[in-house]
Amino acid sequence: MDAITVFDAGRPVTFTFADIMRYHGPGFPGGVVHGLKAMQAAFPLLSDTPPERREINLLTAFTGPGGRDAIELVTRAVTDGRMSVDRSLGGKNVIDELPGPYLWRFTYRGRTVQATIRPGHVREEFVRLGATPDRSAEQEERLTALKSEMAERLLPLPAPEVYACEVVEA
């Protein structure tokens, strides 16, 4: 449950959570898990086989560096200009108005799948603390702990338990 496979010029390439974290660094493990889970949930609806990584396009409301790095490593969409961010897709960035930033629209060979966070996976304390300007050292420490807690809590779950997916019009 911690890996995803894509094709690169017809050859399968598998990336694990640990691979993505090595690429990303320690900063945003929760965001890395969100990017990974969104891809794991959406890709089976895009194609019967792993998709070609350089043919995947993404429109998302997610702005975090962990999610961006997960997408980049697996799809190279950032480097190739196939990833766009539109914060308005998810509505307001608050816990009581999901999906907030947790919305991803993957397009592959004319098919678009939208992955949307399921309720209960993003904790209110995380959202409120993340939105706090000029956090104290104690608040930064707590936020760092919450990022790790989210990653540890969500990583073992099957992706469809974290993200609901549907095929949508592009």
C-alpha atoms as a PDB file:
ATOM      1  CA  MET A   1       0.000   0.000   0.000  1.00  0.00           C
ATOM      2  CA  ASP A   2       2.998   2.279   0.087  1.00  0.00           C
ATOM      3  CA  ALA A   3       3.976   2.054  -3.583  1.00  0.00           C
ATOM      4  CA  ILE A   4       2.766   3.017  -7.029  1.00  0.00           C
ATOM      5  CA  THR A   5       3.779   1.755 -10.458  1.00  0.00           C
ATOM      6  CA  VAL A   6       3.765   3.689 -13.724  1.00  0.00           C
ATOM      7  CA  PHE A   7       5.265   2.995 -17.107  1.00  0.00           C
ATOM      8  CA  ASP A   8       8.215   4.961 -18.433  1.00  0.00           C
ATOM      9  CA  ALA A   9       8.530   4.373 -22.178  1.00  0.00           C
ATOM     10  CA  GLY A  10       6.728   1.068 -21.744  1.00  0.00           C
ATOM     11  CA  ARG A  11       8.834  -0.132 -18.819  1.00  0.00           C
ATOM     12  CA  PRO A  12       7.319  -0.434 -15.348  1.00  0.00           C
ATOM     13  CA  VAL A  13       8.787   1.800 -12.660  1.00  0.00           C
ATOM     14  CA  THR A  14       7.675   1.505  -9.046  1.00  0.00           C
ATOM     15  CA  PHE A  15       8.037   4.248  -6.461  1.00  0.00           C
ATOM     16  CA  THR A  16       7.555   3.652  -2.747  1.00  0.00           C
ATOM     17  CA  PHE A  17       6.674   6.130  -0.031  1.00  0.00           C
ATOM     18  CA  ALA A  18      10.300   5.861   1.107  1.00  0.00           C
ATOM     19  CA  ASP A  19      11.494   6.742  -2.415  1.00  0.00           C
ATOM     20  CA  ILE A  20       9.273   9.815  -2.481  1.00  0.00           C
ATOM     21  CA  MET A  21      10.399  10.872   0.986  1.00  0.00           C
ATOM     22  CA  ARG A  22      14.061  10.587  -0.068  1.00  0.00           C
ATOM     23  CA  TYR A  23      13.275  12.858  -3.026  1.00  0.00           C
ATOM     24  CA  HIS A  24      11.142  15.271  -0.987  1.00  0.00           C
ATOM     25  CA  GLY A  25      13.050  15.428   2.278  1.00  0.00           C
ATOM     26  CA  PRO A  26      11.544  15.406   5.764  1.00  0.00           C
ATOM     27  CA  GLY A  27       9.374  18.524   5.570  1.00  0.00           C
ATOM     28  CA  PHE A  28       5.873  17.415   4.591  1.00  0.00           C
ATOM     29  CA  PRO A  29       5.303  13.672   4.971  1.00  0.00           C
ATOM     30  CA  GLY A  30       1.530  14.120   5.207  1.00  0.00           C
ATOM     31  CA  GLY A  31       1.480  15.897   1.851  1.00  0.00           C
ATOM     32  CA  VAL A  32       3.595  13.125   0.321  1.00  0.00           C
ATOM     33  CA  VAL A  33       1.028  10.574   1.514  1.00  0.00           C
ATOM     34  CA  HIS A  34      -1.827  12.659   0.075  1.00  0.00           C
ATOM     35  CA  GLY A  35      -0.153  12.805  -3.327  1.00  0.00           C
ATOM     36  CA  LEU A  36       0.580   9.080  -3.226  1.00  0.00           C
ATOM     37  CA  LYS A  37      -2.931   8.093  -2.082  1.00  0.00           C
ATOM     38  CA  ALA A  38      -4.591  10.338  -4.684  1.00  0.00           C
ATOM     39  CA  MET A  39      -2.541   8.690  -7.442  1.00  0.00           C
ATOM     40  CA  GLN A  40      -3.139   5.189  -6.070  1.00  0.00           C
ATOM     41  CA  ALA A  41      -6.890   5.835  -5.972  1.00  0.00           C
ATOM     42  CA  ALA A  42      -7.166   7.525  -9.372  1.00  0.00           C
ATOM     43  CA  PHE A  43      -4.757   5.635 -11.640  1.00  0.00           C
ATOM     44  CA  PRO A  44      -6.745   2.362 -11.783  1.00  0.00           C
ATOM     45  CA  LEU A  45      -9.704   4.364 -13.117  1.00  0.00           C
ATOM     46  CA  LEU A  46      -7.510   6.060 -15.720  1.00  0.00           C
ATOM     47  CA  SER A  47      -6.179   2.862 -17.252  1.00  0.00           C
ATOM     48  CA  ASP A  48      -6.328  -0.925 -16.959  1.00  0.00           C
ATOM     49  CA  THR A  49      -2.542  -0.928 -16.822  1.00  0.00           C
ATOM     50  CA  PRO A  50      -0.162   1.483 -15.100  1.00  0.00           C
ATOM     51  CA  PRO A  51      -0.256   4.755 -17.043  1.00  0.00           C
ATOM     52  CA  GLU A  52       2.688   6.179 -18.926  1.00  0.00           C
ATOM     53  CA  ARG A  53       4.086   8.666 -16.453  1.00  0.00           C
ATOM     54  CA  ARG A  54       4.783  11.445 -18.963  1.00  0.00           C
ATOM     55  CA  GLU A  55       1.237  11.363 -20.348  1.00  0.00           C
ATOM     56  CA  ILE A  56      -0.503  12.156 -17.061  1.00  0.00           C
ATOM     57  CA  ASN A  57      -1.830  15.682 -16.568  1.00  0.00           C
ATOM     58  CA  LEU A  58      -3.001  17.080 -13.264  1.00  0.00           C
ATOM     59  CA  LEU A  59      -5.201  19.949 -12.173  1.00  0.00           C
ATOM     60  CA  THR A  60      -5.332  20.228  -8.384  1.00  0.00           C
ATOM     61  CA  ALA A  61      -6.259  22.524  -5.531  1.00  0.00           C
ATOM     62  CA  PHE A  62      -3.361  21.101  -3.486  1.00  0.00           C
ATOM     63  CA  THR A  63      -0.469  23.530  -3.075  1.00  0.00           C
ATOM     64  CA  GLY A  64       1.718  21.711  -0.564  1.00  0.00           C
ATOM     65  CA  PRO A  65       5.302  20.774  -1.409  1.00  0.00           C
ATOM     66  CA  GLY A  66       4.921  17.153  -0.255  1.00  0.00           C
ATOM     67  CA  GLY A  67       2.069  16.466  -2.659  1.00  0.00           C
ATOM     68  CA  ARG A  68       3.817  18.348  -5.456  1.00  0.00           C
ATOM     69  CA  ASP A  69       6.991  16.330  -4.981  1.00  0.00           C
ATOM     70  CA  ALA A  70       5.073  13.033  -4.936  1.00  0.00           C
ATOM     71  CA  ILE A  71       3.442  13.976  -8.249  1.00  0.00           C
ATOM     72  CA  GLU A  72       6.725  15.167  -9.727  1.00  0.00           C
ATOM     73  CA  LEU A  73       8.713  12.065  -8.870  1.00  0.00           C
ATOM     74  CA  VAL A  74       6.057   9.677 -10.150  1.00  0.00           C
ATOM     75  CA  THR A  75       4.814  11.590 -13.218  1.00  0.00           C
ATOM     76  CA  ARG A  76       7.354  14.365 -13.952  1.00  0.00           C
ATOM     77  CA  ALA A  77       4.289  16.602 -14.433  1.00  0.00           C
ATOM     78  CA  VAL A  78       5.830  19.629 -12.715  1.00  0.00           C
ATOM     79  CA  THR A  79       8.983  19.616 -14.835  1.00  0.00           C
ATOM     80  CA  ASP A  80       7.036  18.961 -18.037  1.00  0.00           C
ATOM     81  CA  GLY A  81       4.388  21.627 -17.312  1.00  0.00           C
ATOM     82  CA  ARG A  82       1.519  19.133 -17.026  1.00  0.00           C
ATOM     83  CA  MET A  83       0.522  20.101 -13.487  1.00  0.00           C
ATOM     84  CA  SER A  84      -1.637  23.139 -12.719  1.00  0.00           C
ATOM     85  CA  VAL A  85      -2.856  24.407  -9.367  1.00  0.00           C
ATOM     86  CA  ASP A  86      -6.219  26.131  -8.953  1.00  0.00           C
ATOM     87  CA  ARG A  87      -7.029  26.617  -5.275  1.00  0.00           C
ATOM     88  CA  SER A  88     -10.628  27.549  -6.100  1.00  0.00           C
ATOM     89  CA  LEU A  89     -11.375  23.949  -7.170  1.00  0.00           C
ATOM     90  CA  GLY A  90     -11.719  22.805  -3.575  1.00  0.00           C
ATOM     91  CA  GLY A  91     -13.710  25.716  -2.223  1.00  0.00           C
ATOM     92  CA  LYS A  92     -12.526  27.322   0.977  1.00  0.00           C
ATOM     93  CA  ASN A  93      -9.463  25.924   2.679  1.00  0.00           C
ATOM     94  CA  VAL A  94     -11.206  25.067   5.941  1.00  0.00           C
ATOM     95  CA  ILE A  95     -11.938  21.782   7.636  1.00  0.00           C
ATOM     96  CA  ASP A  96     -15.719  22.122   7.525  1.00  0.00           C
ATOM     97  CA  GLU A  97     -15.838  22.751   3.780  1.00  0.00           C
ATOM     98  CA  LEU A  98     -14.208  19.739   2.187  1.00  0.00           C
ATOM     99  CA  PRO A  99     -12.480  19.045  -0.015  1.00  0.00           C
ATOM    100  CA  GLY A 100     -10.473  22.205   0.525  1.00  0.00           C
ATOM    101  CA  PRO A 101      -7.111  21.662  -1.165  1.00  0.00           C
ATOM    102  CA  TYR A 102      -7.539  17.880  -1.213  1.00  0.00           C
ATOM    103  CA  LEU A 103      -8.876  17.597  -4.751  1.00  0.00           C
ATOM    104  CA  TRP A 104      -6.902  16.157  -7.674  1.00  0.00           C
ATOM    105  CA  ARG A 105      -7.998  15.797 -11.341  1.00  0.00           C
ATOM    106  CA  PHE A 106      -5.778  13.417 -13.268  1.00  0.00           C
ATOM    107  CA  THR A 107      -6.158  13.197 -17.050  1.00  0.00           C
ATOM    108  CA  TYR A 108      -4.670  10.416 -19.137  1.00  0.00           C
ATOM    109  CA  ARG A 109      -5.351   9.712 -22.804  1.00  0.00           C
ATOM    110  CA  GLY A 110      -8.622  11.630 -22.799  1.00  0.00           C
ATOM    111  CA  ARG A 111      -9.982  10.278 -19.518  1.00  0.00           C
ATOM    112  CA  THR A 112     -10.209  12.417 -16.369  1.00  0.00           C
ATOM    113  CA  VAL A 113     -10.571  11.051 -12.850  1.00  0.00           C
ATOM    114  CA  GLN A 114     -11.174  13.270  -9.868  1.00  0.00           C
ATOM    115  CA  ALA A 115      -9.885  12.174  -6.464  1.00  0.00           C
ATOM    116  CA  THR A 116     -11.489  13.919  -3.490  1.00  0.00           C
ATOM    117  CA  ILE A 117     -10.574  13.468   0.158  1.00  0.00           C
ATOM    118  CA  ARG A 118     -13.055  11.528   2.239  1.00  0.00           C
ATOM    119  CA  PRO A 119     -14.244  13.174   5.470  1.00  0.00           C
ATOM    120  CA  GLY A 120     -12.338  12.487   8.658  1.00  0.00           C
ATOM    121  CA  HIS A 121      -8.820  12.150   7.265  1.00  0.00           C
ATOM    122  CA  VAL A 122      -7.657  15.730   7.749  1.00  0.00           C
ATOM    123  CA  ARG A 123      -7.855  16.737  11.385  1.00  0.00           C
ATOM    124  CA  GLU A 124      -9.221  20.121  12.399  1.00  0.00           C
ATOM    125  CA  GLU A 125      -6.215  20.861  14.622  1.00  0.00           C
ATOM    126  CA  PHE A 126      -3.900  20.374  11.632  1.00  0.00           C
ATOM    127  CA  VAL A 127      -5.897  22.779   9.430  1.00  0.00           C
ATOM    128  CA  ARG A 128      -6.282  25.435  12.126  1.00  0.00           C
ATOM    129  CA  LEU A 129      -2.635  25.291  13.170  1.00  0.00           C
ATOM    130  CA  GLY A 130      -1.431  25.285   9.564  1.00  0.00           C
ATOM    131  CA  ALA A 131      -3.459  28.447   8.911  1.00  0.00           C
ATOM    132  CA  THR A 132      -2.073  30.229  11.976  1.00  0.00           C
ATOM    133  CA  PRO A 133       0.201  33.115  10.971  1.00  0.00           C
ATOM    134  CA  ASP A 134       3.412  33.749  12.912  1.00  0.00           C
ATOM    135  CA  ARG A 135       3.384  30.409  14.727  1.00  0.00           C
ATOM    136  CA  SER A 136       5.399  30.116  17.922  1.00  0.00           C
ATOM    137  CA  ALA A 137       8.196  27.557  18.259  1.00  0.00           C
ATOM    138  CA  GLU A 138       5.817  25.323  20.208  1.00  0.00           C
ATOM    139  CA  GLN A 139       3.165  25.610  17.499  1.00  0.00           C
ATOM    140  CA  GLU A 140       5.726  24.758  14.804  1.00  0.00           C
ATOM    141  CA  GLU A 141       6.767  21.707  16.793  1.00  0.00           C
ATOM    142  CA  ARG A 142       3.149  20.600  17.148  1.00  0.00           C
ATOM    143  CA  LEU A 143       2.481  21.150  13.431  1.00  0.00           C
ATOM    144  CA  THR A 144       5.526  19.059  12.552  1.00  0.00           C
ATOM    145  CA  ALA A 145       4.217  16.287  14.795  1.00  0.00           C
ATOM    146  CA  LEU A 146       0.766  16.500  13.167  1.00  0.00           C
ATOM    147  CA  LYS A 147       2.304  16.180   9.679  1.00  0.00           C
ATOM    148  CA  SER A 148       4.036  12.968  10.731  1.00  0.00           C
ATOM    149  CA  GLU A 149       0.926  11.701  12.514  1.00  0.00           C
ATOM    150  CA  MET A 150      -1.147  12.209   9.362  1.00  0.00           C
ATOM    151  CA  ALA A 151       1.385  10.326   7.243  1.00  0.00           C
ATOM    152  CA  GLU A 152       1.595   7.427   9.710  1.00  0.00           C
ATOM    153  CA  ARG A 153      -2.202   7.246  10.003  1.00  0.00           C
ATOM    154  CA  LEU A 154      -3.037   7.425   6.279  1.00  0.00           C
ATOM    155  CA  LEU A 155      -0.166   5.469   4.692  1.00  0.00           C
ATOM    156  CA  PRO A 156      -1.395   1.982   5.732  1.00  0.00           C
ATOM    157  CA  LEU A 157      -4.955   2.636   4.534  1.00  0.00           C
ATOM    158  CA  PRO A 158      -6.124   1.482   1.107  1.00  0.00           C
ATOM    159  CA  ALA A 159      -6.213   4.541  -1.167  1.00  0.00           C
ATOM    160  CA  PRO A 160      -9.993   4.275  -1.853  1.00  0.00           C
ATOM    161  CA  GLU A 161     -10.587   4.667   1.898  1.00  0.00           C
ATOM    162  CA  VAL A 162      -8.742   8.000   1.811  1.00  0.00           C
ATOM    163  CA  TYR A 163      -9.827   9.367  -1.585  1.00  0.00           C
ATOM    164  CA  ALA A 164     -13.140   8.913  -3.381  1.00  0.00           C
ATOM    165  CA  CYS A 165     -12.713   8.851  -7.154  1.00  0.00           C
ATOM    166  CA  GLU A 166     -15.020   9.406 -10.075  1.00  0.00           C
ATOM    167  CA  VAL A 167     -14.601   9.747 -13.816  1.00  0.00           C
ATOM    168  CA  VAL A 168     -15.470  13.322 -14.819  1.00  0.00           C
ATOM    169  CA  GLU A 169     -15.665  15.388 -17.983  1.00  0.00           C
ATOM    170  CA  ALA A 170     -12.360  17.126 -18.636  1.00  0.00           C
END
